[in-house]
């Protein structure tokens, strides 16, 4: 049986495949995983949700 790891699905950097999931966000009605590296970048931005 193959174990499939969840990977980052950062909507602003769709090339990320990080597996160290930090948290999940709601984006366009879906719950998506965000890795630690991407979350640090997103958190630094002045983006309104």
PDB file of N, CA and C in Angstrom:
ATOM      1  N   UNK A   1       0.841  -1.191   0.000  1.00  0.00           N
ATOM      2  CA  UNK A   1       0.000   0.000   0.000  1.00  0.00           C
ATOM      3  C   UNK A   1       0.886   1.255   0.000  1.00  0.00           C
ATOM      4  N   UNK A   2       0.642   2.131  -0.903  1.00  0.00           N
ATOM      5  CA  UNK A   2       1.438   3.346  -1.052  1.00  0.00           C
ATOM      6  C   UNK A   2       0.898   4.441  -0.142  1.00  0.00           C
ATOM      7  N   UNK A   3       1.808   5.127   0.566  1.00  0.00           N
ATOM      8  CA  UNK A   3       1.420   6.233   1.443  1.00  0.00           C
ATOM      9  C   UNK A   3       1.582   7.544   0.680  1.00  0.00           C
ATOM     10  N   UNK A   4       0.511   8.260   0.476  1.00  0.00           N
ATOM     11  CA  UNK A   4       0.538   9.518  -0.263  1.00  0.00           C
ATOM     12  C   UNK A   4       0.567  10.677   0.723  1.00  0.00           C
ATOM     13  N   UNK A   5       1.605  11.483   0.641  1.00  0.00           N
ATOM     14  CA  UNK A   5       1.724  12.642   1.514  1.00  0.00           C
ATOM     15  C   UNK A   5       0.990  13.827   0.910  1.00  0.00           C
ATOM     16  N   UNK A   6       0.414  14.602   1.784  1.00  0.00           N
ATOM     17  CA  UNK A   6      -0.251  15.825   1.342  1.00  0.00           C
ATOM     18  C   UNK A   6       0.821  16.862   1.039  1.00  0.00           C
ATOM     19  N   UNK A   7       0.590  17.685   0.026  1.00  0.00           N
ATOM     20  CA  UNK A   7       1.561  18.720  -0.302  1.00  0.00           C
ATOM     21  C   UNK A   7       0.881  20.088  -0.361  1.00  0.00           C
ATOM     22  N   UNK A   8       1.697  21.117  -0.295  1.00  0.00           N
ATOM     23  CA  UNK A   8       1.229  22.500  -0.314  1.00  0.00           C
ATOM     24  C   UNK A   8       0.454  22.786  -1.605  1.00  0.00           C
ATOM     25  N   UNK A   9      -0.623  23.521  -1.452  1.00  0.00           N
ATOM     26  CA  UNK A   9      -1.422  23.922  -2.608  1.00  0.00           C
ATOM     27  C   UNK A   9      -1.598  25.434  -2.628  1.00  0.00           C
ATOM     28  N   UNK A  10      -0.522  26.142  -2.334  1.00  0.00           N
ATOM     29  CA  UNK A  10      -0.527  27.597  -2.305  1.00  0.00           C
ATOM     30  C   UNK A  10      -1.073  28.142  -3.631  1.00  0.00           C
ATOM     31  N   UNK A  11      -2.199  28.849  -3.589  1.00  0.00           N
ATOM     32  CA  UNK A  11      -2.792  29.346  -4.835  1.00  0.00           C
ATOM     33  C   UNK A  11      -1.984  30.458  -5.498  1.00  0.00           C
ATOM     34  N   UNK A  12      -1.050  31.067  -4.777  1.00  0.00           N
ATOM     35  CA  UNK A  12      -0.235  32.138  -5.342  1.00  0.00           C
ATOM     36  C   UNK A  12       1.123  31.633  -5.806  1.00  0.00           C
ATOM     37  N   UNK A  13       1.433  30.379  -5.516  1.00  0.00           N
ATOM     38  CA  UNK A  13       2.698  29.768  -5.956  1.00  0.00           C
ATOM     39  C   UNK A  13       2.401  28.305  -6.248  1.00  0.00           C
ATOM     40  N   UNK A  14       1.766  28.064  -7.372  1.00  0.00           N
ATOM     41  CA  UNK A  14       1.282  26.724  -7.657  1.00  0.00           C
ATOM     42  C   UNK A  14       2.378  25.720  -8.004  1.00  0.00           C
ATOM     43  N   UNK A  15       3.631  26.135  -7.949  1.00  0.00           N
ATOM     44  CA  UNK A  15       4.726  25.201  -8.198  1.00  0.00           C
ATOM     45  C   UNK A  15       5.282  24.612  -6.905  1.00  0.00           C
ATOM     46  N   UNK A  16       4.772  25.033  -5.757  1.00  0.00           N
ATOM     47  CA  UNK A  16       5.265  24.529  -4.475  1.00  0.00           C
ATOM     48  C   UNK A  16       4.698  23.134  -4.214  1.00  0.00           C
ATOM     49  N   UNK A  17       5.568  22.248  -3.776  1.00  0.00           N
ATOM     50  CA  UNK A  17       5.143  20.897  -3.420  1.00  0.00           C
ATOM     51  C   UNK A  17       5.641  20.535  -2.022  1.00  0.00           C
ATOM     52  N   UNK A  18       5.813  21.572  -1.158  1.00  0.00           N
ATOM     53  CA  UNK A  18       6.265  21.346   0.209  1.00  0.00           C
ATOM     54  C   UNK A  18       5.322  20.414   0.958  1.00  0.00           C
ATOM     55  N   UNK A  19       5.902  19.567   1.793  1.00  0.00           N
ATOM     56  CA  UNK A  19       5.105  18.593   2.531  1.00  0.00           C
ATOM     57  C   UNK A  19       4.996  18.910   4.019  1.00  0.00           C
ATOM     58  N   UNK A  20       5.670  19.959   4.478  1.00  0.00           N
ATOM     59  CA  UNK A  20       5.576  20.355   5.885  1.00  0.00           C
ATOM     60  C   UNK A  20       4.411  21.321   6.037  1.00  0.00           C
ATOM     61  N   UNK A  21       3.207  20.770   6.135  1.00  0.00           N
ATOM     62  CA  UNK A  21       1.996  21.577   6.184  1.00  0.00           C
ATOM     63  C   UNK A  21       1.917  22.314   7.523  1.00  0.00           C
ATOM     64  N   UNK A  22       1.764  23.626   7.439  1.00  0.00           N
ATOM     65  CA  UNK A  22       1.694  24.489   8.623  1.00  0.00           C
ATOM     66  C   UNK A  22       0.246  24.717   9.035  1.00  0.00           C
ATOM     67  N   UNK A  23      -0.616  24.939   8.047  1.00  0.00           N
ATOM     68  CA  UNK A  23      -2.018  25.213   8.329  1.00  0.00           C
ATOM     69  C   UNK A  23      -2.847  25.039   7.083  1.00  0.00           C
ATOM     70  N   UNK A  24      -4.144  25.215   7.243  1.00  0.00           N
ATOM     71  CA  UNK A  24      -5.085  25.136   6.128  1.00  0.00           C
ATOM     72  C   UNK A  24      -5.818  26.465   6.043  1.00  0.00           C
ATOM     73  N   UNK A  25      -6.089  26.917   4.823  1.00  0.00           N
ATOM     74  CA  UNK A  25      -6.844  28.152   4.635  1.00  0.00           C
ATOM     75  C   UNK A  25      -8.061  27.863   3.765  1.00  0.00           C
ATOM     76  N   UNK A  26      -9.059  28.720   3.902  1.00  0.00           N
ATOM     77  CA  UNK A  26     -10.225  28.661   3.028  1.00  0.00           C
ATOM     78  C   UNK A  26      -9.937  29.582   1.850  1.00  0.00           C
ATOM     79  N   UNK A  27     -10.010  29.046   0.643  1.00  0.00           N
ATOM     80  CA  UNK A  27      -9.751  29.831  -0.554  1.00  0.00           C
ATOM     81  C   UNK A  27     -10.743  29.411  -1.625  1.00  0.00           C
ATOM     82  N   UNK A  28     -11.570  30.346  -2.048  1.00  0.00           N
ATOM     83  CA  UNK A  28     -12.602  30.095  -3.058  1.00  0.00           C
ATOM     84  C   UNK A  28     -13.467  28.887  -2.700  1.00  0.00           C
ATOM     85  N   UNK A  29     -13.838  28.809  -1.424  1.00  0.00           N
ATOM     86  CA  UNK A  29     -14.740  27.762  -0.974  1.00  0.00           C
ATOM     87  C   UNK A  29     -14.093  26.415  -0.696  1.00  0.00           C
ATOM     88  N   UNK A  30     -12.780  26.314  -0.823  1.00  0.00           N
ATOM     89  CA  UNK A  30     -12.083  25.059  -0.569  1.00  0.00           C
ATOM     90  C   UNK A  30     -11.091  25.228   0.567  1.00  0.00           C
ATOM     91  N   UNK A  31     -10.883  24.170   1.321  1.00  0.00           N
ATOM     92  CA  UNK A  31      -9.865  24.149   2.362  1.00  0.00           C
ATOM     93  C   UNK A  31      -8.605  23.570   1.745  1.00  0.00           C
ATOM     94  N   UNK A  32      -7.535  24.368   1.740  1.00  0.00           N
ATOM     95  CA  UNK A  32      -6.301  23.925   1.104  1.00  0.00           C
ATOM     96  C   UNK A  32      -5.123  23.986   2.072  1.00  0.00           C
ATOM     97  N   UNK A  33      -4.183  23.028   1.952  1.00  0.00           N
ATOM     98  CA  UNK A  33      -3.010  23.007   2.817  1.00  0.00           C
ATOM     99  C   UNK A  33      -1.950  23.997   2.345  1.00  0.00           C
ATOM    100  N   UNK A  34      -1.298  24.629   3.309  1.00  0.00           N
ATOM    101  CA  UNK A  34      -0.215  25.575   3.038  1.00  0.00           C
ATOM    102  C   UNK A  34       1.007  25.139   3.844  1.00  0.00           C
ATOM    103  N   UNK A  35       2.162  25.046   3.193  1.00  0.00           N
ATOM    104  CA  UNK A  35       3.378  24.626   3.898  1.00  0.00           C
ATOM    105  C   UNK A  35       3.961  25.784   4.717  1.00  0.00           C
ATOM    106  N   UNK A  36       4.882  25.433   5.581  1.00  0.00           N
ATOM    107  CA  UNK A  36       5.485  26.427   6.466  1.00  0.00           C
ATOM    108  C   UNK A  36       6.191  27.536   5.684  1.00  0.00           C
ATOM    109  N   UNK A  37       6.934  27.169   4.643  1.00  0.00           N
ATOM    110  CA  UNK A  37       7.663  28.172   3.856  1.00  0.00           C
ATOM    111  C   UNK A  37       6.699  29.169   3.201  1.00  0.00           C
ATOM    112  N   UNK A  38       5.660  28.651   2.555  1.00  0.00           N
ATOM    113  CA  UNK A  38       4.700  29.535   1.881  1.00  0.00           C
ATOM    114  C   UNK A  38       3.933  30.380   2.890  1.00  0.00           C
ATOM    115  N   UNK A  39       3.564  29.805   4.028  1.00  0.00           N
ATOM    116  CA  UNK A  39       2.821  30.569   5.016  1.00  0.00           C
ATOM    117  C   UNK A  39       3.638  31.748   5.522  1.00  0.00           C
ATOM    118  N   UNK A  40       4.927  31.557   5.739  1.00  0.00           N
ATOM    119  CA  UNK A  40       5.776  32.671   6.177  1.00  0.00           C
ATOM    120  C   UNK A  40       5.754  33.795   5.144  1.00  0.00           C
ATOM    121  N   UNK A  41       5.781  33.458   3.864  1.00  0.00           N
ATOM    122  CA  UNK A  41       5.735  34.472   2.803  1.00  0.00           C
ATOM    123  C   UNK A  41       4.362  35.153   2.748  1.00  0.00           C
ATOM    124  N   UNK A  42       3.291  34.366   2.853  1.00  0.00           N
ATOM    125  CA  UNK A  42       1.933  34.919   2.813  1.00  0.00           C
ATOM    126  C   UNK A  42       1.703  35.845   4.009  1.00  0.00           C
ATOM    127  N   UNK A  43       2.148  35.441   5.181  1.00  0.00           N
ATOM    128  CA  UNK A  43       1.936  36.211   6.411  1.00  0.00           C
ATOM    129  C   UNK A  43       2.656  37.562   6.368  1.00  0.00           C
ATOM    130  N   UNK A  44       3.750  37.652   5.621  1.00  0.00           N
ATOM    131  CA  UNK A  44       4.495  38.908   5.508  1.00  0.00           C
ATOM    132  C   UNK A  44       3.816  39.905   4.568  1.00  0.00           C
ATOM    133  N   UNK A  45       2.937  39.433   3.706  1.00  0.00           N
ATOM    134  CA  UNK A  45       2.281  40.311   2.734  1.00  0.00           C
ATOM    135  C   UNK A  45       1.171  41.123   3.390  1.00  0.00           C
ATOM    136  N   UNK A  46       0.841  42.232   2.776  1.00  0.00           N
ATOM    137  CA  UNK A  46      -0.259  43.067   3.248  1.00  0.00           C
ATOM    138  C   UNK A  46      -1.498  42.764   2.412  1.00  0.00           C
ATOM    139  N   UNK A  47      -1.951  41.514   2.518  1.00  0.00           N
ATOM    140  CA  UNK A  47      -3.074  41.031   1.723  1.00  0.00           C
ATOM    141  C   UNK A  47      -4.323  40.947   2.575  1.00  0.00           C
ATOM    142  N   UNK A  48      -5.439  41.443   2.061  1.00  0.00           N
ATOM    143  CA  UNK A  48      -6.714  41.294   2.751  1.00  0.00           C
ATOM    144  C   UNK A  48      -7.411  40.057   2.221  1.00  0.00           C
ATOM    145  N   UNK A  49      -8.062  39.308   3.102  1.00  0.00           N
ATOM    146  CA  UNK A  49      -8.723  38.062   2.721  1.00  0.00           C
ATOM    147  C   UNK A  49     -10.155  38.316   2.399  1.00  0.00           C
TER     148      UNK A  49
END
